[in-house]
Structures are given as C-alpha cells and as structure tokens.
Amino acid sequence: MADDGRLLRDVLHDAARLLLASPALALEARTDGTECSDVEGHREARWLVAAMLDVAPGELGRLLSMGYRTPATTQARIEVAARRRATGEPMAYCVGTAPFRHLVLAVDRRVLIPRPETEVVVGEALRLTASHPGGIAVDIGTGSGAIALSLATEGRYERVIATDVSDDALAVAAANAARVAAARVAAAEPGGASVEFRHGADLAPLRGVRARVIVSNPPYIAYSEAAALPRSVRDWEPTVALVAADEGMARYAAILAGAHEHLEPFGWVVFEVDTRRAQRTAALATTQGYQQVQVVRDLTGRERVVLAQYAPA
C-alpha cells in the first residue's frame, strides 16, 4: 500500500517540539526582550507548516479538521525547514518566502527579508504619484525586488527600473519578477508596468533616465552599530545591504547629491530611514535644495520615511 503521509496534526506537533527545544531560539527570544513560551513555539510551527503547504495559517484549522495527511515529500521539506529555524535562521529564509503588501516573494540569504516598514515606503511613493499615470519609477538597492514589483503592480507607471550593486540580489529579484508575472497571468490580472533590472551602485545605472520618483531602502546601519543588531539579522542577512559608511549616511548623501539629474521636474525621492537618522536625512535633503521635505512615521509611530521633492529653479 502506498504511503499516504502522516496526519498534519502530528507533523505540526513534531515541528513545534523541535522549535521549543531549540537553545538558539530561546537565546533569540531573550535578546529581543521576550520570553520563550509554548504559545510562541506552536505559533511559529503553524507559520512554518502553513508556508510550506502554501496556505494561510488560518487555513490549517480546516485541514486539521479534515484529517489532512501531509505527503511524504512535503513532510521532509517541513522537517528540514524546522531544523533550520531551530538553529536561529530567520523564518523567511527557512521557508523560502516572505509576504510583502499584495505579493509573496522568494527570499534567501542573498537578500534582506522584506519588512512592514518598507510597505509604508511603497505606499508613500504611490500616493505622491497617484495624480496621473505614466513615467518611470526607480528602486535603488532593490534586493528581493519588493519595492520595484509593488510599484509595478500597484502603480500606474510606464516602467520601473530596479538597481542593485549585488548580482546575487538581482538574480533573486528577476526570479521574483517572473514569479509575480506568472501569478498574475494565472489570476487573469493586468500585467502592470514592465520592470528592468540594472547592476550598479547608487545612481550610476540611471544614465539618461528621468524618473517621476526614486525610491530607496539603502543600507543605513553604521559600522559601529552592527554588533548590536539582533542576532537573527546580524548573523544571517547580507551585510552589504545593512551597513554604510559615514555613520550610516553615505548612501543617502550619494543619492541626494545626484538625484536632481535623474528626476523629472517636481519628482520625488522617497527613502526608508533608520529612526535615529530621519531628521538628519531630512536636513541633508533641505541643504541639497530639495523642497517639500517631510518625515513620515510608520505604523508603530517611528520616523521611518523621508520624502523630498525636486523643484527646478
């Protein structure tokens, strides 16, 4: 008789047991100021198993009530992901995907894990350019492609240009572009703007481009601060996407210094910033001659986005 897999209930139980027994996760919880608990272990197990089954966590209840049996190949993948998570590896890398706005993106250690505050950055860029369609949107330091692909699918741009200094990151972003395009075709949704990927640092790949908006979530952690990052970030996510010279300000300075040459009149720069550098970045934009400089708070009330408009003299 063919093996029809183990009950999902048992697979979930084994994953939770493995996570709860992990010294690495207990250390991570203490570092973050929280306590490791049975509730958290079971919650993580549900997230992990749901991601590997490609269903929403809330859907697990229905599958459990049906007596769903997990195929042997899927069960093996869940066990591998749970063992990786038990070493302290971030959940998104263990399951290979991360949600971002309306998208689900493939991620691995070549790119940062998309985060909720970056969703606010995209929202601001879309708001600032909502008055009329067309033009170019630029995403500098695209990583997984989260910003660029969200702008392309939610905005009304003619095209989107996404750049990165890392060839590895561009490979992940291009794969995500294909993933998003295939999902939209399957759902019979409009294709959105085309996305072009270019290699290079800061504004170098934008020769001849005039954009309506330049968006960037650049490296902004000072080298002196890197050791204090949470272990799940410091030990796993790519350093090149995290830290920058000049106390974390180098990339902001480089982009602001030349963005005038790559923006349409009254175009915008939209930055994600570290809370500690929000006002400093805004002041730098003002010094560089930008207008309508604003600092926007994220959903937790922290200053995390800076907006600056290019207004030609």
C-alpha atoms as a PDB file:
ATOM      1  CA  MET A   1       0.000   0.000   0.000  1.00  0.00           C
ATOM      2  CA  ALA A   2       1.375   3.445  -0.941  1.00  0.00           C
ATOM      3  CA  ASP A   3       2.395   5.781   1.874  1.00  0.00           C
ATOM      4  CA  ASP A   4      -0.285   8.486   2.031  1.00  0.00           C
ATOM      5  CA  GLY A   5       1.635  10.597   4.527  1.00  0.00           C
ATOM      6  CA  ARG A   6       1.312  11.436   8.208  1.00  0.00           C
ATOM      7  CA  LEU A   7      -1.514  13.355   9.794  1.00  0.00           C
ATOM      8  CA  LEU A   8      -0.960  17.116   9.706  1.00  0.00           C
ATOM      9  CA  ARG A   9      -1.628  17.176  13.456  1.00  0.00           C
ATOM     10  CA  ASP A  10       1.419  15.012  14.063  1.00  0.00           C
ATOM     11  CA  VAL A  11       3.610  16.990  11.656  1.00  0.00           C
ATOM     12  CA  LEU A  12       2.675  20.216  13.454  1.00  0.00           C
ATOM     13  CA  HIS A  13       3.374  18.630  16.833  1.00  0.00           C
ATOM     14  CA  ASP A  14       6.833  17.479  15.767  1.00  0.00           C
ATOM     15  CA  ALA A  15       7.726  20.898  14.319  1.00  0.00           C
ATOM     16  CA  ALA A  16       6.618  22.688  17.499  1.00  0.00           C
ATOM     17  CA  ARG A  17       8.548  20.242  19.687  1.00  0.00           C
ATOM     18  CA  LEU A  18      11.705  20.837  17.667  1.00  0.00           C
ATOM     19  CA  LEU A  19      11.375  24.626  17.883  1.00  0.00           C
ATOM     20  CA  LEU A  20      10.602  24.635  21.591  1.00  0.00           C
ATOM     21  CA  ALA A  21      13.708  22.529  22.282  1.00  0.00           C
ATOM     22  CA  SER A  22      15.985  24.940  20.410  1.00  0.00           C
ATOM     23  CA  PRO A  23      18.602  26.775  22.529  1.00  0.00           C
ATOM     24  CA  ALA A  24      19.157  29.193  19.632  1.00  0.00           C
ATOM     25  CA  LEU A  25      15.526  30.316  19.605  1.00  0.00           C
ATOM     26  CA  ALA A  26      15.467  30.649  23.373  1.00  0.00           C
ATOM     27  CA  LEU A  27      18.538  32.904  23.140  1.00  0.00           C
ATOM     28  CA  GLU A  28      16.916  34.901  20.339  1.00  0.00           C
ATOM     29  CA  ALA A  29      13.801  35.427  22.450  1.00  0.00           C
ATOM     30  CA  ARG A  30      15.827  36.668  25.438  1.00  0.00           C
ATOM     31  CA  THR A  31      17.859  39.016  23.234  1.00  0.00           C
ATOM     32  CA  ASP A  32      14.639  40.541  21.896  1.00  0.00           C
ATOM     33  CA  GLY A  33      13.357  41.083  25.433  1.00  0.00           C
ATOM     34  CA  THR A  34      10.613  38.448  25.198  1.00  0.00           C
ATOM     35  CA  GLU A  35      10.104  35.104  26.851  1.00  0.00           C
ATOM     36  CA  CYS A  36      10.171  31.802  25.033  1.00  0.00           C
ATOM     37  CA  SER A  37       6.817  30.107  25.532  1.00  0.00           C
ATOM     38  CA  ASP A  38       4.820  27.116  24.390  1.00  0.00           C
ATOM     39  CA  VAL A  39       2.387  29.504  22.704  1.00  0.00           C
ATOM     40  CA  GLU A  40       5.144  31.126  20.643  1.00  0.00           C
ATOM     41  CA  GLY A  41       6.647  27.782  19.683  1.00  0.00           C
ATOM     42  CA  HIS A  42       3.329  26.464  18.427  1.00  0.00           C
ATOM     43  CA  ARG A  43       2.615  29.736  16.611  1.00  0.00           C
ATOM     44  CA  GLU A  44       5.949  29.543  14.815  1.00  0.00           C
ATOM     45  CA  ALA A  45       5.270  25.917  13.914  1.00  0.00           C
ATOM     46  CA  ARG A  46       1.929  26.909  12.369  1.00  0.00           C
ATOM     47  CA  TRP A  47       3.544  29.705  10.333  1.00  0.00           C
ATOM     48  CA  LEU A  48       6.262  27.379   9.125  1.00  0.00           C
ATOM     49  CA  VAL A  49       3.961  24.497   8.179  1.00  0.00           C
ATOM     50  CA  ALA A  50       1.444  26.817   6.506  1.00  0.00           C
ATOM     51  CA  ALA A  51       4.178  28.393   4.394  1.00  0.00           C
ATOM     52  CA  MET A  52       5.485  25.003   3.312  1.00  0.00           C
ATOM     53  CA  LEU A  53       1.937  23.930   2.377  1.00  0.00           C
ATOM     54  CA  ASP A  54       1.411  27.272   0.594  1.00  0.00           C
ATOM     55  CA  VAL A  55      -1.723  28.102   2.578  1.00  0.00           C
ATOM     56  CA  ALA A  56      -2.637  30.878   5.009  1.00  0.00           C
ATOM     57  CA  PRO A  57      -2.038  29.969   8.682  1.00  0.00           C
ATOM     58  CA  GLY A  58      -5.770  30.282   9.303  1.00  0.00           C
ATOM     59  CA  GLU A  59      -6.384  27.559   6.752  1.00  0.00           C
ATOM     60  CA  LEU A  60      -4.605  24.971   8.891  1.00  0.00           C
ATOM     61  CA  GLY A  61      -7.630  24.584  11.153  1.00  0.00           C
ATOM     62  CA  ARG A  62      -9.751  23.401   8.241  1.00  0.00           C
ATOM     63  CA  LEU A  63      -7.066  20.963   7.109  1.00  0.00           C
ATOM     64  CA  LEU A  64      -6.670  19.619  10.637  1.00  0.00           C
ATOM     65  CA  SER A  65     -10.428  19.088  10.979  1.00  0.00           C
ATOM     66  CA  MET A  66     -10.381  17.154   7.690  1.00  0.00           C
ATOM     67  CA  GLY A  67      -7.700  14.801   8.975  1.00  0.00           C
ATOM     68  CA  TYR A  68      -5.358  16.037   6.241  1.00  0.00           C
ATOM     69  CA  ARG A  69      -2.349  13.838   5.623  1.00  0.00           C
ATOM     70  CA  THR A  70       0.901  15.525   4.693  1.00  0.00           C
ATOM     71  CA  PRO A  71       2.623  13.986   1.653  1.00  0.00           C
ATOM     72  CA  ALA A  72       5.961  12.418   2.482  1.00  0.00           C
ATOM     73  CA  THR A  73       7.924  14.833   0.278  1.00  0.00           C
ATOM     74  CA  THR A  74       6.261  17.850   1.911  1.00  0.00           C
ATOM     75  CA  GLN A  75       6.791  16.358   5.347  1.00  0.00           C
ATOM     76  CA  ALA A  76      10.507  16.058   4.614  1.00  0.00           C
ATOM     77  CA  ARG A  77      10.667  19.704   3.499  1.00  0.00           C
ATOM     78  CA  ILE A  78       8.866  20.795   6.680  1.00  0.00           C
ATOM     79  CA  GLU A  79      11.345  18.885   8.825  1.00  0.00           C
ATOM     80  CA  VAL A  80      14.307  20.471   7.041  1.00  0.00           C
ATOM     81  CA  ALA A  81      12.789  23.962   7.435  1.00  0.00           C
ATOM     82  CA  ALA A  82      12.053  23.364  11.131  1.00  0.00           C
ATOM     83  CA  ARG A  83      15.609  22.182  11.781  1.00  0.00           C
ATOM     84  CA  ARG A  84      16.961  25.269  10.051  1.00  0.00           C
ATOM     85  CA  ARG A  85      14.678  27.502  12.120  1.00  0.00           C
ATOM     86  CA  ALA A  86      15.850  25.720  15.263  1.00  0.00           C
ATOM     87  CA  THR A  87      19.392  26.945  14.550  1.00  0.00           C
ATOM     88  CA  GLY A  88      18.116  30.536  14.724  1.00  0.00           C
ATOM     89  CA  GLU A  89      17.876  31.094  10.968  1.00  0.00           C
ATOM     90  CA  PRO A  90      15.114  33.614  10.163  1.00  0.00           C
ATOM     91  CA  MET A  91      11.755  32.067   9.357  1.00  0.00           C
ATOM     92  CA  ALA A  92      11.552  33.631   5.877  1.00  0.00           C
ATOM     93  CA  TYR A  93      14.822  32.024   4.816  1.00  0.00           C
ATOM     94  CA  CYS A  94      13.768  28.668   6.250  1.00  0.00           C
ATOM     95  CA  VAL A  95      10.527  28.549   4.268  1.00  0.00           C
ATOM     96  CA  GLY A  96      11.947  30.452   1.285  1.00  0.00           C
ATOM     97  CA  THR A  97       9.212  33.091   1.021  1.00  0.00           C
ATOM     98  CA  ALA A  98       8.088  36.347   2.624  1.00  0.00           C
ATOM     99  CA  PRO A  99       4.871  38.363   2.203  1.00  0.00           C
ATOM    100  CA  PHE A 100       5.077  41.999   1.110  1.00  0.00           C
ATOM    101  CA  ARG A 101       1.953  44.090   0.530  1.00  0.00           C
ATOM    102  CA  HIS A 102      -0.020  42.062  -2.064  1.00  0.00           C
ATOM    103  CA  LEU A 103       2.901  39.845  -3.067  1.00  0.00           C
ATOM    104  CA  VAL A 104       4.596  36.699  -1.834  1.00  0.00           C
ATOM    105  CA  LEU A 105       8.295  36.844  -2.706  1.00  0.00           C
ATOM    106  CA  ALA A 106      11.025  34.232  -2.749  1.00  0.00           C
ATOM    107  CA  VAL A 107      13.862  35.152  -0.396  1.00  0.00           C
ATOM    108  CA  ASP A 108      17.148  33.634   0.693  1.00  0.00           C
ATOM    109  CA  ARG A 109      20.395  34.828   2.283  1.00  0.00           C
ATOM    110  CA  ARG A 110      21.330  36.832  -0.819  1.00  0.00           C
ATOM    111  CA  VAL A 111      18.735  39.484   0.059  1.00  0.00           C
ATOM    112  CA  LEU A 112      17.188  41.234   3.042  1.00  0.00           C
ATOM    113  CA  ILE A 113      13.849  39.958   4.291  1.00  0.00           C
ATOM    114  CA  PRO A 114      11.105  42.466   3.343  1.00  0.00           C
ATOM    115  CA  ARG A 115       9.629  44.223   6.366  1.00  0.00           C
ATOM    116  CA  PRO A 116       6.373  46.059   7.190  1.00  0.00           C
ATOM    117  CA  GLU A 117       8.026  49.488   7.427  1.00  0.00           C
ATOM    118  CA  THR A 118       9.105  49.181   3.803  1.00  0.00           C
ATOM    119  CA  GLU A 119       5.459  48.718   2.861  1.00  0.00           C
ATOM    120  CA  VAL A 120       4.909  52.267   4.171  1.00  0.00           C
ATOM    121  CA  VAL A 121       7.688  53.500   1.855  1.00  0.00           C
ATOM    122  CA  VAL A 122       5.891  51.992  -1.149  1.00  0.00           C
ATOM    123  CA  GLY A 123       2.598  53.476  -0.017  1.00  0.00           C
ATOM    124  CA  GLU A 124       4.096  56.964   0.124  1.00  0.00           C
ATOM    125  CA  ALA A 125       5.633  56.635  -3.349  1.00  0.00           C
ATOM    126  CA  LEU A 126       2.294  55.513  -4.776  1.00  0.00           C
ATOM    127  CA  ARG A 127       0.454  58.350  -3.031  1.00  0.00           C
ATOM    128  CA  LEU A 128       2.830  61.003  -4.348  1.00  0.00           C
ATOM    129  CA  THR A 129       2.482  59.818  -7.960  1.00  0.00           C
ATOM    130  CA  ALA A 130      -1.214  58.899  -8.000  1.00  0.00           C
ATOM    131  CA  SER A 131      -2.446  62.056  -9.721  1.00  0.00           C
ATOM    132  CA  HIS A 132      -1.666  60.900 -13.258  1.00  0.00           C
ATOM    133  CA  PRO A 133      -0.323  57.754 -14.957  1.00  0.00           C
ATOM    134  CA  GLY A 134       2.918  57.218 -16.846  1.00  0.00           C
ATOM    135  CA  GLY A 135       6.563  57.966 -16.316  1.00  0.00           C
ATOM    136  CA  ILE A 136       9.342  55.965 -14.695  1.00  0.00           C
ATOM    137  CA  ALA A 137       9.715  54.792 -11.098  1.00  0.00           C
ATOM    138  CA  VAL A 138      13.167  53.783  -9.834  1.00  0.00           C
ATOM    139  CA  ASP A 139      14.049  51.456  -6.965  1.00  0.00           C
ATOM    140  CA  ILE A 140      17.687  51.797  -5.869  1.00  0.00           C
ATOM    141  CA  GLY A 141      19.015  48.772  -3.984  1.00  0.00           C
ATOM    142  CA  THR A 142      16.125  46.523  -4.943  1.00  0.00           C
ATOM    143  CA  GLY A 143      17.208  43.366  -3.074  1.00  0.00           C
ATOM    144  CA  SER A 144      14.358  40.873  -3.443  1.00  0.00           C
ATOM    145  CA  GLY A 145      12.531  43.277  -5.748  1.00  0.00           C
ATOM    146  CA  ALA A 146       9.847  44.011  -3.134  1.00  0.00           C
ATOM    147  CA  ILE A 147       9.631  47.758  -3.766  1.00  0.00           C
ATOM    148  CA  ALA A 148      10.029  47.608  -7.547  1.00  0.00           C
ATOM    149  CA  LEU A 149       7.483  44.834  -8.042  1.00  0.00           C
ATOM    150  CA  SER A 150       4.956  46.504  -5.752  1.00  0.00           C
ATOM    151  CA  LEU A 151       5.335  49.777  -7.663  1.00  0.00           C
ATOM    152  CA  ALA A 152       4.931  47.920 -10.950  1.00  0.00           C
ATOM    153  CA  THR A 153       1.807  46.021  -9.900  1.00  0.00           C
ATOM    154  CA  GLU A 154       0.077  48.716  -7.831  1.00  0.00           C
ATOM    155  CA  GLY A 155       1.180  51.899  -9.576  1.00  0.00           C
ATOM    156  CA  ARG A 156       0.376  53.337 -12.990  1.00  0.00           C
ATOM    157  CA  TYR A 157       3.900  53.860 -14.296  1.00  0.00           C
ATOM    158  CA  GLU A 158       5.091  53.255 -17.831  1.00  0.00           C
ATOM    159  CA  ARG A 159       8.002  51.242 -16.471  1.00  0.00           C
ATOM    160  CA  VAL A 160      10.030  50.570 -13.346  1.00  0.00           C
ATOM    161  CA  ILE A 161      13.820  50.397 -13.148  1.00  0.00           C
ATOM    162  CA  ALA A 162      15.320  48.392 -10.287  1.00  0.00           C
ATOM    163  CA  THR A 163      19.036  48.552  -9.471  1.00  0.00           C
ATOM    164  CA  ASP A 164      21.383  46.783  -7.100  1.00  0.00           C
ATOM    165  CA  VAL A 165      25.126  46.581  -6.536  1.00  0.00           C
ATOM    166  CA  SER A 166      24.766  42.825  -5.931  1.00  0.00           C
ATOM    167  CA  ASP A 167      24.418  40.473  -8.892  1.00  0.00           C
ATOM    168  CA  ASP A 168      23.098  37.849  -6.478  1.00  0.00           C
ATOM    169  CA  ALA A 169      20.307  40.169  -5.341  1.00  0.00           C
ATOM    170  CA  LEU A 170      19.395  40.996  -8.934  1.00  0.00           C
ATOM    171  CA  ALA A 171      19.081  37.272  -9.671  1.00  0.00           C
ATOM    172  CA  VAL A 172      16.606  36.892  -6.796  1.00  0.00           C
ATOM    173  CA  ALA A 173      14.670  39.988  -7.903  1.00  0.00           C
ATOM    174  CA  ALA A 174      14.465  38.807 -11.518  1.00  0.00           C
ATOM    175  CA  ALA A 175      13.187  35.413 -10.382  1.00  0.00           C
ATOM    176  CA  ASN A 176      10.558  37.175  -8.276  1.00  0.00           C
ATOM    177  CA  ALA A 177       9.515  39.268 -11.269  1.00  0.00           C
ATOM    178  CA  ALA A 178       8.900  36.057 -13.207  1.00  0.00           C
ATOM    179  CA  ARG A 179       7.047  34.599 -10.208  1.00  0.00           C
ATOM    180  CA  VAL A 180       4.783  37.649  -9.915  1.00  0.00           C
ATOM    181  CA  ALA A 181       4.128  37.743 -13.662  1.00  0.00           C
ATOM    182  CA  ALA A 182       3.143  34.055 -13.692  1.00  0.00           C
ATOM    183  CA  ALA A 183       0.805  34.538 -10.718  1.00  0.00           C
ATOM    184  CA  ARG A 184      -0.910  37.475 -12.410  1.00  0.00           C
ATOM    185  CA  VAL A 185      -1.378  35.516 -15.621  1.00  0.00           C
ATOM    186  CA  ALA A 186      -2.853  32.613 -13.654  1.00  0.00           C
ATOM    187  CA  ALA A 187      -5.247  35.003 -11.915  1.00  0.00           C
ATOM    188  CA  ALA A 188      -6.101  36.786 -15.189  1.00  0.00           C
ATOM    189  CA  GLU A 189      -4.947  40.103 -13.702  1.00  0.00           C
ATOM    190  CA  PRO A 190      -3.458  43.008 -15.703  1.00  0.00           C
ATOM    191  CA  GLY A 191       0.283  42.705 -16.124  1.00  0.00           C
ATOM    192  CA  GLY A 192       1.301  46.055 -14.633  1.00  0.00           C
ATOM    193  CA  ALA A 193       4.369  48.065 -15.623  1.00  0.00           C
ATOM    194  CA  SER A 194       7.441  46.399 -17.081  1.00  0.00           C
ATOM    195  CA  VAL A 195      10.421  46.077 -14.723  1.00  0.00           C
ATOM    196  CA  GLU A 196      14.019  46.450 -15.901  1.00  0.00           C
ATOM    197  CA  PHE A 197      16.905  45.325 -13.688  1.00  0.00           C
ATOM    198  CA  ARG A 198      20.255  47.127 -13.804  1.00  0.00           C
ATOM    199  CA  HIS A 199      23.517  46.452 -11.981  1.00  0.00           C
ATOM    200  CA  GLY A 200      25.378  49.230 -10.178  1.00  0.00           C
ATOM    201  CA  ALA A 201      25.632  51.391  -7.074  1.00  0.00           C
ATOM    202  CA  ASP A 202      23.503  54.399  -6.211  1.00  0.00           C
ATOM    203  CA  LEU A 203      22.654  56.461  -9.337  1.00  0.00           C
ATOM    204  CA  ALA A 204      25.299  55.011 -11.651  1.00  0.00           C
ATOM    205  CA  PRO A 205      22.886  52.705 -13.557  1.00  0.00           C
ATOM    206  CA  LEU A 206      20.494  55.588 -14.333  1.00  0.00           C
ATOM    207  CA  ARG A 207      22.336  57.362 -17.114  1.00  0.00           C
ATOM    208  CA  GLY A 208      19.805  59.197 -19.288  1.00  0.00           C
ATOM    209  CA  VAL A 209      16.856  58.387 -17.002  1.00  0.00           C
ATOM    210  CA  ARG A 210      14.369  60.970 -15.787  1.00  0.00           C
ATOM    211  CA  ALA A 211      12.024  59.467 -13.214  1.00  0.00           C
ATOM    212  CA  ARG A 212       8.859  60.611 -11.507  1.00  0.00           C
ATOM    213  CA  VAL A 213      10.002  59.014  -8.269  1.00  0.00           C
ATOM    214  CA  ILE A 214      13.224  57.498  -6.950  1.00  0.00           C
ATOM    215  CA  VAL A 215      12.644  55.126  -4.059  1.00  0.00           C
ATOM    216  CA  SER A 216      15.345  53.524  -1.930  1.00  0.00           C
ATOM    217  CA  ASN A 217      15.731  51.426   1.181  1.00  0.00           C
ATOM    218  CA  PRO A 218      19.530  51.686   1.280  1.00  0.00           C
ATOM    219  CA  PRO A 219      21.988  50.341   3.858  1.00  0.00           C
ATOM    220  CA  TYR A 220      21.721  52.687   6.843  1.00  0.00           C
ATOM    221  CA  ILE A 221      23.298  50.972   9.868  1.00  0.00           C
ATOM    222  CA  ALA A 222      26.611  52.466  10.993  1.00  0.00           C
ATOM    223  CA  TYR A 223      29.525  50.044  11.166  1.00  0.00           C
ATOM    224  CA  SER A 224      29.813  50.836  14.877  1.00  0.00           C
ATOM    225  CA  GLU A 225      26.205  49.694  15.391  1.00  0.00           C
ATOM    226  CA  ALA A 226      26.393  46.393  13.514  1.00  0.00           C
ATOM    227  CA  ALA A 227      27.399  44.287  16.522  1.00  0.00           C
ATOM    228  CA  ALA A 228      24.280  45.423  18.400  1.00  0.00           C
ATOM    229  CA  LEU A 229      21.868  44.239  15.705  1.00  0.00           C
ATOM    230  CA  PRO A 230      19.588  41.319  16.664  1.00  0.00           C
ATOM    231  CA  ARG A 231      21.330  38.004  16.080  1.00  0.00           C
ATOM    232  CA  SER A 232      18.690  36.981  13.536  1.00  0.00           C
ATOM    233  CA  VAL A 233      19.704  39.989  11.420  1.00  0.00           C
ATOM    234  CA  ARG A 234      23.427  40.261  12.144  1.00  0.00           C
ATOM    235  CA  ASP A 235      24.271  36.600  11.614  1.00  0.00           C
ATOM    236  CA  TRP A 236      22.049  35.851   8.625  1.00  0.00           C
ATOM    237  CA  GLU A 237      21.155  38.833   6.442  1.00  0.00           C
ATOM    238  CA  PRO A 238      23.642  40.253   3.881  1.00  0.00           C
ATOM    239  CA  THR A 239      25.970  42.826   5.423  1.00  0.00           C
ATOM    240  CA  VAL A 240      26.271  44.785   2.177  1.00  0.00           C
ATOM    241  CA  ALA A 241      22.546  45.573   2.404  1.00  0.00           C
ATOM    242  CA  LEU A 242      22.698  46.602   6.055  1.00  0.00           C
ATOM    243  CA  VAL A 243      25.697  48.815   6.837  1.00  0.00           C
ATOM    244  CA  ALA A 244      27.018  52.038   5.353  1.00  0.00           C
ATOM    245  CA  ALA A 245      29.904  54.425   5.971  1.00  0.00           C
ATOM    246  CA  ASP A 246      29.688  57.928   7.461  1.00  0.00           C
ATOM    247  CA  GLU A 247      27.642  56.708  10.421  1.00  0.00           C
ATOM    248  CA  GLY A 248      25.068  55.136   8.116  1.00  0.00           C
ATOM    249  CA  MET A 249      24.551  58.267   5.993  1.00  0.00           C
ATOM    250  CA  ALA A 250      26.759  57.517   2.965  1.00  0.00           C
ATOM    251  CA  ARG A 251      24.078  56.153   0.650  1.00  0.00           C
ATOM    252  CA  TYR A 252      21.591  58.933   1.434  1.00  0.00           C
ATOM    253  CA  ALA A 253      24.253  61.542   0.718  1.00  0.00           C
ATOM    254  CA  ALA A 254      25.251  59.921  -2.574  1.00  0.00           C
ATOM    255  CA  ILE A 255      21.686  59.615  -3.848  1.00  0.00           C
ATOM    256  CA  LEU A 256      20.588  63.099  -2.794  1.00  0.00           C
ATOM    257  CA  ALA A 257      23.686  64.662  -4.352  1.00  0.00           C
ATOM    258  CA  GLY A 258      22.787  63.426  -7.823  1.00  0.00           C
ATOM    259  CA  ALA A 259      19.057  62.700  -7.846  1.00  0.00           C
ATOM    260  CA  HIS A 260      18.309  66.152  -9.333  1.00  0.00           C
ATOM    261  CA  GLU A 261      19.815  64.909 -12.599  1.00  0.00           C
ATOM    262  CA  HIS A 262      17.537  61.866 -12.714  1.00  0.00           C
ATOM    263  CA  LEU A 263      14.191  63.294 -11.641  1.00  0.00           C
ATOM    264  CA  GLU A 264      11.506  64.967 -13.694  1.00  0.00           C
ATOM    265  CA  PRO A 265      10.677  68.491 -12.506  1.00  0.00           C
ATOM    266  CA  PHE A 266       8.755  68.159  -9.243  1.00  0.00           C
ATOM    267  CA  GLY A 267       9.660  64.485  -8.988  1.00  0.00           C
ATOM    268  CA  TRP A 268      10.211  62.870  -5.611  1.00  0.00           C
ATOM    269  CA  VAL A 269      12.839  60.991  -3.643  1.00  0.00           C
ATOM    270  CA  VAL A 270      11.367  58.552  -1.110  1.00  0.00           C
ATOM    271  CA  PHE A 271      13.739  56.984   1.435  1.00  0.00           C
ATOM    272  CA  GLU A 272      13.360  54.410   4.146  1.00  0.00           C
ATOM    273  CA  VAL A 273      15.471  55.631   7.053  1.00  0.00           C
ATOM    274  CA  ASP A 274      16.620  54.493  10.445  1.00  0.00           C
ATOM    275  CA  THR A 275      14.683  56.364  13.133  1.00  0.00           C
ATOM    276  CA  ARG A 276      17.938  57.736  14.544  1.00  0.00           C
ATOM    277  CA  ARG A 277      18.771  59.348  11.183  1.00  0.00           C
ATOM    278  CA  ALA A 278      15.384  60.550   9.979  1.00  0.00           C
ATOM    279  CA  GLN A 279      15.824  64.195  10.921  1.00  0.00           C
ATOM    280  CA  ARG A 280      19.445  64.208   9.784  1.00  0.00           C
ATOM    281  CA  THR A 281      18.433  62.832   6.377  1.00  0.00           C
ATOM    282  CA  ALA A 282      15.649  65.407   6.077  1.00  0.00           C
ATOM    283  CA  ALA A 283      18.090  68.195   6.932  1.00  0.00           C
ATOM    284  CA  LEU A 284      20.537  66.905   4.320  1.00  0.00           C
ATOM    285  CA  ALA A 285      17.789  66.936   1.678  1.00  0.00           C
ATOM    286  CA  THR A 286      16.940  70.536   2.560  1.00  0.00           C
ATOM    287  CA  THR A 287      20.594  71.549   2.365  1.00  0.00           C
ATOM    288  CA  GLN A 288      20.801  69.928  -1.085  1.00  0.00           C
ATOM    289  CA  GLY A 289      17.974  72.195  -2.313  1.00  0.00           C
ATOM    290  CA  TYR A 290      15.009  69.809  -2.212  1.00  0.00           C
ATOM    291  CA  GLN A 291      11.567  71.171  -1.403  1.00  0.00           C
ATOM    292  CA  GLN A 292       8.546  69.785   0.475  1.00  0.00           C
ATOM    293  CA  VAL A 293      10.855  67.722   2.698  1.00  0.00           C
ATOM    294  CA  GLN A 294       8.794  65.603   5.069  1.00  0.00           C
ATOM    295  CA  VAL A 295       9.374  62.893   7.659  1.00  0.00           C
ATOM    296  CA  VAL A 296       6.667  60.201   7.804  1.00  0.00           C
ATOM    297  CA  ARG A 297       6.054  57.812  10.682  1.00  0.00           C
ATOM    298  CA  ASP A 298       5.451  54.086  10.261  1.00  0.00           C
ATOM    299  CA  LEU A 299       2.543  52.163  11.781  1.00  0.00           C
ATOM    300  CA  THR A 300       4.318  51.987  15.151  1.00  0.00           C
ATOM    301  CA  GLY A 301       4.810  55.757  15.262  1.00  0.00           C
ATOM    302  CA  ARG A 302       8.529  55.764  14.457  1.00  0.00           C
ATOM    303  CA  GLU A 303      10.047  58.221  11.980  1.00  0.00           C
ATOM    304  CA  ARG A 304      10.958  55.841   9.148  1.00  0.00           C
ATOM    305  CA  VAL A 305      10.350  57.575   5.788  1.00  0.00           C
ATOM    306  CA  VAL A 306      11.758  60.780   4.300  1.00  0.00           C
ATOM    307  CA  LEU A 307      10.175  62.491   1.274  1.00  0.00           C
ATOM    308  CA  ALA A 308      11.885  65.217  -0.762  1.00  0.00           C
ATOM    309  CA  GLN A 309      10.773  66.928  -3.982  1.00  0.00           C
ATOM    310  CA  TYR A 310      12.988  68.230  -6.755  1.00  0.00           C
ATOM    311  CA  ALA A 311      11.784  71.679  -7.747  1.00  0.00           C
ATOM    312  CA  PRO A 312      13.937  73.209 -10.520  1.00  0.00           C
ATOM    313  CA  ALA A 313      14.937  76.837 -10.030  1.00  0.00           C
END
